[in-house]
């Protein structure tokens, strides 16, 4: 359960923004979308490898 402390006289939009930020950090929506479809382990491994190559290229160009 997400608890967002609201100060006296605080704007409701600000409190809602805090709630949304905390909710996003929990990763519930991300996990839900991942569970909607099944990906084979080989596909996940390939995507992970592609991401690692991309990150490595970005770090090399940074230097």
PDB file of N, CA and C in Angstrom:
ATOM      1  N   UNK A   1       0.839  -1.169   0.000  1.00  0.00           N
ATOM      2  CA  UNK A   1       0.000   0.000   0.000  1.00  0.00           C
ATOM      3  C   UNK A   1       0.894   1.247   0.000  1.00  0.00           C
ATOM      4  N   UNK A   2       0.562   2.184  -0.836  1.00  0.00           N
ATOM      5  CA  UNK A   2       1.353   3.401  -0.963  1.00  0.00           C
ATOM      6  C   UNK A   2       0.739   4.480  -0.067  1.00  0.00           C
ATOM      7  N   UNK A   3       1.576   5.056   0.772  1.00  0.00           N
ATOM      8  CA  UNK A   3       1.122   6.118   1.665  1.00  0.00           C
ATOM      9  C   UNK A   3       1.847   7.397   1.288  1.00  0.00           C
ATOM     10  N   UNK A   4       1.069   8.444   1.051  1.00  0.00           N
ATOM     11  CA  UNK A   4       1.631   9.735   0.683  1.00  0.00           C
ATOM     12  C   UNK A   4       1.230  10.745   1.753  1.00  0.00           C
ATOM     13  N   UNK A   5       2.190  11.205   2.550  1.00  0.00           N
ATOM     14  CA  UNK A   5       1.846  12.211   3.573  1.00  0.00           C
ATOM     15  C   UNK A   5       1.539  13.549   2.909  1.00  0.00           C
ATOM     16  N   UNK A   6       0.404  14.127   3.281  1.00  0.00           N
ATOM     17  CA  UNK A   6      -0.014  15.412   2.718  1.00  0.00           C
ATOM     18  C   UNK A   6       0.028  16.449   3.829  1.00  0.00           C
ATOM     19  N   UNK A   7       0.740  17.518   3.581  1.00  0.00           N
ATOM     20  CA  UNK A   7       0.856  18.594   4.575  1.00  0.00           C
ATOM     21  C   UNK A   7      -0.404  19.451   4.554  1.00  0.00           C
ATOM     22  N   UNK A   8      -0.618  20.131   5.651  1.00  0.00           N
ATOM     23  CA  UNK A   8      -1.786  21.009   5.774  1.00  0.00           C
ATOM     24  C   UNK A   8      -1.719  22.116   4.729  1.00  0.00           C
ATOM     25  N   UNK A   9      -2.765  22.259   3.942  1.00  0.00           N
ATOM     26  CA  UNK A   9      -2.830  23.306   2.934  1.00  0.00           C
ATOM     27  C   UNK A   9      -2.065  22.987   1.657  1.00  0.00           C
ATOM     28  N   UNK A  10      -1.580  21.728   1.514  1.00  0.00           N
ATOM     29  CA  UNK A  10      -0.837  21.362   0.313  1.00  0.00           C
ATOM     30  C   UNK A  10      -1.798  21.164  -0.859  1.00  0.00           C
ATOM     31  N   UNK A  11      -1.360  21.560  -2.011  1.00  0.00           N
ATOM     32  CA  UNK A  11      -2.166  21.462  -3.214  1.00  0.00           C
ATOM     33  C   UNK A  11      -2.424  19.989  -3.562  1.00  0.00           C
ATOM     34  N   UNK A  12      -3.636  19.678  -3.987  1.00  0.00           N
ATOM     35  CA  UNK A  12      -3.993  18.289  -4.309  1.00  0.00           C
ATOM     36  C   UNK A  12      -3.217  17.797  -5.523  1.00  0.00           C
ATOM     37  N   UNK A  13      -2.912  18.672  -6.463  1.00  0.00           N
ATOM     38  CA  UNK A  13      -2.144  18.277  -7.641  1.00  0.00           C
ATOM     39  C   UNK A  13      -0.737  17.842  -7.249  1.00  0.00           C
ATOM     40  N   UNK A  14      -0.159  18.532  -6.273  1.00  0.00           N
ATOM     41  CA  UNK A  14       1.174  18.196  -5.806  1.00  0.00           C
ATOM     42  C   UNK A  14       1.174  16.825  -5.119  1.00  0.00           C
ATOM     43  N   UNK A  15       0.138  16.568  -4.320  1.00  0.00           N
ATOM     44  CA  UNK A  15       0.020  15.280  -3.635  1.00  0.00           C
ATOM     45  C   UNK A  15      -0.188  14.153  -4.643  1.00  0.00           C
ATOM     46  N   UNK A  16      -0.988  14.417  -5.660  1.00  0.00           N
ATOM     47  CA  UNK A  16      -1.228  13.425  -6.699  1.00  0.00           C
ATOM     48  C   UNK A  16       0.053  13.123  -7.467  1.00  0.00           C
ATOM     49  N   UNK A  17       0.854  14.142  -7.706  1.00  0.00           N
ATOM     50  CA  UNK A  17       2.130  13.962  -8.396  1.00  0.00           C
ATOM     51  C   UNK A  17       3.069  13.087  -7.566  1.00  0.00           C
ATOM     52  N   UNK A  18       3.089  13.302  -6.231  1.00  0.00           N
ATOM     53  CA  UNK A  18       3.895  12.475  -5.336  1.00  0.00           C
ATOM     54  C   UNK A  18       3.442  11.021  -5.408  1.00  0.00           C
ATOM     55  N   UNK A  19       2.120  10.820  -5.405  1.00  0.00           N
ATOM     56  CA  UNK A  19       1.573   9.470  -5.475  1.00  0.00           C
ATOM     57  C   UNK A  19       1.981   8.777  -6.770  1.00  0.00           C
ATOM     58  N   UNK A  20       1.841   9.483  -7.877  1.00  0.00           N
ATOM     59  CA  UNK A  20       2.194   8.909  -9.177  1.00  0.00           C
ATOM     60  C   UNK A  20       3.671   8.535  -9.228  1.00  0.00           C
ATOM     61  N   UNK A  21       4.526   9.375  -8.665  1.00  0.00           N
ATOM     62  CA  UNK A  21       5.962   9.106  -8.655  1.00  0.00           C
ATOM     63  C   UNK A  21       6.273   7.851  -7.837  1.00  0.00           C
ATOM     64  N   UNK A  22       5.639   7.735  -6.666  1.00  0.00           N
ATOM     65  CA  UNK A  22       5.861   6.553  -5.830  1.00  0.00           C
ATOM     66  C   UNK A  22       5.338   5.304  -6.516  1.00  0.00           C
ATOM     67  N   UNK A  23       4.171   5.421  -7.155  1.00  0.00           N
ATOM     68  CA  UNK A  23       3.574   4.284  -7.846  1.00  0.00           C
ATOM     69  C   UNK A  23       4.458   3.823  -8.994  1.00  0.00           C
ATOM     70  N   UNK A  24       5.042   4.763  -9.720  1.00  0.00           N
ATOM     71  CA  UNK A  24       5.924   4.436 -10.837  1.00  0.00           C
ATOM     72  C   UNK A  24       7.166   3.711 -10.347  1.00  0.00           C
ATOM     73  N   UNK A  25       7.698   4.115  -9.195  1.00  0.00           N
ATOM     74  CA  UNK A  25       8.900   3.491  -8.644  1.00  0.00           C
ATOM     75  C   UNK A  25       8.664   2.042  -8.228  1.00  0.00           C
ATOM     76  N   UNK A  26       7.422   1.693  -7.884  1.00  0.00           N
ATOM     77  CA  UNK A  26       7.149   0.314  -7.477  1.00  0.00           C
ATOM     78  C   UNK A  26       7.269  -0.652  -8.644  1.00  0.00           C
ATOM     79  N   UNK A  27       7.032  -0.184  -9.869  1.00  0.00           N
ATOM     80  CA  UNK A  27       7.189  -1.026 -11.049  1.00  0.00           C
ATOM     81  C   UNK A  27       6.000  -1.926 -11.334  1.00  0.00           C
ATOM     82  N   UNK A  28       4.845  -1.625 -10.774  1.00  0.00           N
ATOM     83  CA  UNK A  28       3.654  -2.450 -10.956  1.00  0.00           C
ATOM     84  C   UNK A  28       3.201  -2.453 -12.417  1.00  0.00           C
ATOM     85  N   UNK A  29       3.149  -1.288 -13.015  1.00  0.00           N
ATOM     86  CA  UNK A  29       2.673  -1.189 -14.400  1.00  0.00           C
ATOM     87  C   UNK A  29       3.643  -1.890 -15.346  1.00  0.00           C
ATOM     88  N   UNK A  30       4.941  -1.725 -15.091  1.00  0.00           N
ATOM     89  CA  UNK A  30       5.962  -2.360 -15.929  1.00  0.00           C
ATOM     90  C   UNK A  30       5.841  -3.886 -15.874  1.00  0.00           C
ATOM     91  N   UNK A  31       5.642  -4.405 -14.673  1.00  0.00           N
ATOM     92  CA  UNK A  31       5.501  -5.852 -14.511  1.00  0.00           C
ATOM     93  C   UNK A  31       4.212  -6.352 -15.154  1.00  0.00           C
ATOM     94  N   UNK A  32       3.145  -5.581 -15.019  1.00  0.00           N
ATOM     95  CA  UNK A  32       1.866  -5.970 -15.618  1.00  0.00           C
ATOM     96  C   UNK A  32       1.982  -6.081 -17.137  1.00  0.00           C
ATOM     97  N   UNK A  33       2.629  -5.112 -17.755  1.00  0.00           N
ATOM     98  CA  UNK A  33       2.802  -5.155 -19.207  1.00  0.00           C
ATOM     99  C   UNK A  33       3.685  -6.327 -19.633  1.00  0.00           C
ATOM    100  N   UNK A  34       4.673  -6.641 -18.825  1.00  0.00           N
ATOM    101  CA  UNK A  34       5.561  -7.759 -19.150  1.00  0.00           C
ATOM    102  C   UNK A  34       4.810  -9.086 -19.047  1.00  0.00           C
ATOM    103  N   UNK A  35       3.851  -9.172 -18.140  1.00  0.00           N
ATOM    104  CA  UNK A  35       3.101 -10.417 -17.952  1.00  0.00           C
ATOM    105  C   UNK A  35       1.988 -10.619 -18.980  1.00  0.00           C
ATOM    106  N   UNK A  36       1.658  -9.599 -19.744  1.00  0.00           N
ATOM    107  CA  UNK A  36       0.577  -9.709 -20.713  1.00  0.00           C
ATOM    108  C   UNK A  36       0.950 -10.616 -21.876  1.00  0.00           C
ATOM    109  N   UNK A  37       2.221 -10.767 -22.126  1.00  0.00           N
ATOM    110  CA  UNK A  37       2.650 -11.646 -23.209  1.00  0.00           C
ATOM    111  C   UNK A  37       3.835 -12.471 -22.741  1.00  0.00           C
ATOM    112  N   UNK A  38       3.980 -13.649 -23.307  1.00  0.00           N
ATOM    113  CA  UNK A  38       5.082 -14.518 -22.938  1.00  0.00           C
ATOM    114  C   UNK A  38       6.200 -14.360 -23.947  1.00  0.00           C
ATOM    115  N   UNK A  39       7.395 -14.149 -23.448  1.00  0.00           N
ATOM    116  CA  UNK A  39       8.574 -14.087 -24.304  1.00  0.00           C
ATOM    117  C   UNK A  39       9.455 -15.282 -23.991  1.00  0.00           C
ATOM    118  N   UNK A  40       9.908 -15.932 -25.044  1.00  0.00           N
ATOM    119  CA  UNK A  40      10.767 -17.090 -24.849  1.00  0.00           C
ATOM    120  C   UNK A  40      12.076 -16.662 -24.193  1.00  0.00           C
ATOM    121  N   UNK A  41      12.659 -17.540 -23.395  1.00  0.00           N
ATOM    122  CA  UNK A  41      13.928 -17.203 -22.748  1.00  0.00           C
ATOM    123  C   UNK A  41      15.023 -16.829 -23.735  1.00  0.00           C
ATOM    124  N   UNK A  42      15.022 -17.460 -24.906  1.00  0.00           N
ATOM    125  CA  UNK A  42      16.044 -17.135 -25.899  1.00  0.00           C
ATOM    126  C   UNK A  42      15.870 -15.707 -26.416  1.00  0.00           C
ATOM    127  N   UNK A  43      14.634 -15.260 -26.558  1.00  0.00           N
ATOM    128  CA  UNK A  43      14.365 -13.897 -27.012  1.00  0.00           C
ATOM    129  C   UNK A  43      14.809 -12.899 -25.945  1.00  0.00           C
ATOM    130  N   UNK A  44      14.507 -13.190 -24.683  1.00  0.00           N
ATOM    131  CA  UNK A  44      14.923 -12.308 -23.591  1.00  0.00           C
ATOM    132  C   UNK A  44      16.435 -12.202 -23.520  1.00  0.00           C
ATOM    133  N   UNK A  45      17.109 -13.336 -23.717  1.00  0.00           N
ATOM    134  CA  UNK A  45      18.572 -13.347 -23.681  1.00  0.00           C
ATOM    135  C   UNK A  45      19.140 -12.500 -24.816  1.00  0.00           C
ATOM    136  N   UNK A  46      18.547 -12.620 -26.007  1.00  0.00           N
ATOM    137  CA  UNK A  46      19.015 -11.850 -27.157  1.00  0.00           C
ATOM    138  C   UNK A  46      18.811 -10.355 -26.926  1.00  0.00           C
ATOM    139  N   UNK A  47      17.646  -9.968 -26.389  1.00  0.00           N
ATOM    140  CA  UNK A  47      17.375  -8.562 -26.124  1.00  0.00           C
ATOM    141  C   UNK A  47      18.332  -8.005 -25.078  1.00  0.00           C
ATOM    142  N   UNK A  48      18.617  -8.811 -24.067  1.00  0.00           N
ATOM    143  CA  UNK A  48      19.541  -8.383 -23.023  1.00  0.00           C
ATOM    144  C   UNK A  48      20.938  -8.174 -23.603  1.00  0.00           C
ATOM    145  N   UNK A  49      21.340  -9.064 -24.506  1.00  0.00           N
ATOM    146  CA  UNK A  49      22.645  -8.961 -25.139  1.00  0.00           C
ATOM    147  C   UNK A  49      22.717  -7.723 -26.038  1.00  0.00           C
ATOM    148  N   UNK A  50      21.658  -7.461 -26.801  1.00  0.00           N
ATOM    149  CA  UNK A  50      21.621  -6.281 -27.659  1.00  0.00           C
ATOM    150  C   UNK A  50      21.715  -5.003 -26.833  1.00  0.00           C
ATOM    151  N   UNK A  51      21.033  -4.990 -25.691  1.00  0.00           N
ATOM    152  CA  UNK A  51      21.073  -3.823 -24.828  1.00  0.00           C
ATOM    153  C   UNK A  51      22.486  -3.623 -24.273  1.00  0.00           C
ATOM    154  N   UNK A  52      23.151  -4.706 -23.893  1.00  0.00           N
ATOM    155  CA  UNK A  52      24.507  -4.625 -23.365  1.00  0.00           C
ATOM    156  C   UNK A  52      25.464  -4.073 -24.419  1.00  0.00           C
ATOM    157  N   UNK A  53      25.304  -4.499 -25.663  1.00  0.00           N
ATOM    158  CA  UNK A  53      26.153  -4.002 -26.753  1.00  0.00           C
ATOM    159  C   UNK A  53      25.912  -2.507 -26.962  1.00  0.00           C
ATOM    160  N   UNK A  54      24.650  -2.103 -26.924  1.00  0.00           N
ATOM    161  CA  UNK A  54      24.293  -0.698 -27.098  1.00  0.00           C
ATOM    162  C   UNK A  54      24.920   0.161 -25.996  1.00  0.00           C
ATOM    163  N   UNK A  55      24.793  -0.286 -24.756  1.00  0.00           N
ATOM    164  CA  UNK A  55      25.348   0.458 -23.634  1.00  0.00           C
ATOM    165  C   UNK A  55      26.868   0.552 -23.752  1.00  0.00           C
ATOM    166  N   UNK A  56      27.491  -0.538 -24.159  1.00  0.00           N
ATOM    167  CA  UNK A  56      28.952  -0.532 -24.302  1.00  0.00           C
ATOM    168  C   UNK A  56      29.394   0.454 -25.377  1.00  0.00           C
ATOM    169  N   UNK A  57      28.666   0.504 -26.494  1.00  0.00           N
ATOM    170  CA  UNK A  57      28.986   1.464 -27.564  1.00  0.00           C
ATOM    171  C   UNK A  57      28.848   2.892 -27.070  1.00  0.00           C
ATOM    172  N   UNK A  58      27.791   3.146 -26.291  1.00  0.00           N
ATOM    173  CA  UNK A  58      27.569   4.495 -25.775  1.00  0.00           C
ATOM    174  C   UNK A  58      28.701   4.902 -24.819  1.00  0.00           C
ATOM    175  N   UNK A  59      29.152   3.969 -24.001  1.00  0.00           N
ATOM    176  CA  UNK A  59      30.241   4.271 -23.073  1.00  0.00           C
ATOM    177  C   UNK A  59      31.554   4.500 -23.818  1.00  0.00           C
ATOM    178  N   UNK A  60      31.774   3.762 -24.898  1.00  0.00           N
ATOM    179  CA  UNK A  60      33.001   3.938 -25.675  1.00  0.00           C
ATOM    180  C   UNK A  60      33.009   5.287 -26.397  1.00  0.00           C
ATOM    181  N   UNK A  61      31.870   5.717 -26.913  1.00  0.00           N
ATOM    182  CA  UNK A  61      31.817   7.008 -27.605  1.00  0.00           C
ATOM    183  C   UNK A  61      31.917   8.164 -26.620  1.00  0.00           C
ATOM    184  N   UNK A  62      31.564   7.918 -25.357  1.00  0.00           N
ATOM    185  CA  UNK A  62      31.645   8.929 -24.332  1.00  0.00           C
ATOM    186  C   UNK A  62      33.104   9.282 -24.031  1.00  0.00           C
ATOM    187  N   UNK A  63      33.965   8.306 -24.106  1.00  0.00           N
ATOM    188  CA  UNK A  63      35.379   8.495 -23.770  1.00  0.00           C
ATOM    189  C   UNK A  63      36.136   9.132 -24.868  1.00  0.00           C
TER     190      UNK A  63
END
